[in-house]
Amino acid sequence: MRTISIDTNACDRSPGCPARRVCPRGAITPVPGGAYPGANGYTVNDDLCTGCGICARVCPVGAVQLG
């Protein structure tokens, strides 16, 4: 199975993260803390992620990567 990772240096930390919105399993979640959801970046819950790659296709900055 493919794994998904998020490059925190490339992530724009948008509160409306398109990758998070399209994930059919809700596997992309904001890192806790910060002034708004996503201010500290996002993480992938490997227990929920199926590796479908939809999130990587819609990430506008290429921060979501398939492994």
Protein backbone atom coordinates (compact mmCIF):
# COMPACT_ATOMS: atom_id res chain seq x y z
CA MET A 1 0.00 0.00 0.00
CA ARG A 2 1.18 3.51 -0.79
CA THR A 3 1.82 5.94 2.02
CA ILE A 4 1.04 9.63 2.06
CA SER A 5 3.24 12.26 3.67
CA ILE A 6 2.99 16.03 3.95
CA ASP A 7 6.07 18.19 3.45
CA THR A 8 5.60 20.80 6.17
CA ASN A 9 8.10 23.13 4.49
CA ALA A 10 6.07 23.17 1.26
CA CYS A 11 2.62 23.26 2.91
CA ASP A 12 0.96 26.69 2.76
CA ARG A 13 -1.01 25.89 5.95
CA SER A 14 -4.30 27.01 4.45
CA PRO A 15 -7.30 26.65 6.77
CA GLY A 16 -9.25 25.53 3.68
CA CYS A 17 -6.70 22.86 2.69
CA PRO A 18 -8.02 21.24 -0.52
CA ALA A 19 -6.21 17.98 0.21
CA ARG A 20 -7.95 17.73 3.56
CA ARG A 21 -11.34 18.52 2.03
CA VAL A 22 -11.14 15.79 -0.63
CA CYS A 23 -9.85 12.97 1.57
CA PRO A 24 -12.64 10.36 1.52
CA ARG A 25 -11.52 8.94 4.86
CA GLY A 26 -10.80 12.17 6.77
CA ALA A 27 -7.19 11.07 7.25
CA ILE A 28 -5.65 14.56 6.93
CA THR A 29 -6.00 16.56 10.11
CA PRO A 30 -4.55 19.83 11.40
CA VAL A 31 -1.62 19.67 13.79
CA PRO A 32 -3.02 20.91 17.14
CA GLY A 33 -2.45 24.48 18.26
CA GLY A 34 -1.99 27.67 16.31
CA ALA A 35 -4.21 30.64 15.63
CA TYR A 36 -6.48 28.68 13.25
CA PRO A 37 -6.89 25.05 12.13
CA GLY A 38 -3.88 24.21 10.00
CA ALA A 39 -1.67 27.06 11.25
CA ASN A 40 0.85 24.46 12.43
CA GLY A 41 0.43 22.35 9.30
CA TYR A 42 -1.32 19.06 8.69
CA THR A 43 -0.64 15.43 9.42
CA VAL A 44 -1.86 12.13 7.98
CA ASN A 45 -3.52 9.54 10.20
CA ASP A 46 -2.04 6.32 8.82
CA ASP A 47 -4.80 4.27 10.45
CA LEU A 48 -7.40 6.02 8.28
CA CYS A 49 -5.40 6.62 5.09
CA THR A 50 -5.85 4.07 2.28
CA GLY A 51 -3.15 5.59 0.04
CA CYS A 52 -5.63 6.49 -2.72
CA GLY A 53 -3.63 9.63 -3.65
CA ILE A 54 -6.57 11.94 -4.26
CA CYS A 55 -5.08 14.43 -1.81
CA ALA A 56 -1.75 14.54 -3.67
CA ARG A 57 -3.50 15.31 -6.94
CA VAL A 58 -5.33 18.34 -5.55
CA CYS A 59 -2.65 19.89 -3.33
CA PRO A 60 -1.91 23.22 -5.07
CA VAL A 61 1.62 23.51 -3.68
CA GLY A 62 2.70 19.87 -4.04
CA ALA A 63 3.15 19.38 -0.30
CA VAL A 64 1.28 16.06 -0.23
CA GLN A 65 3.47 13.26 -1.54
CA LEU A 66 2.97 9.59 -2.30
CA GLY A 67 5.54 7.23 -0.89
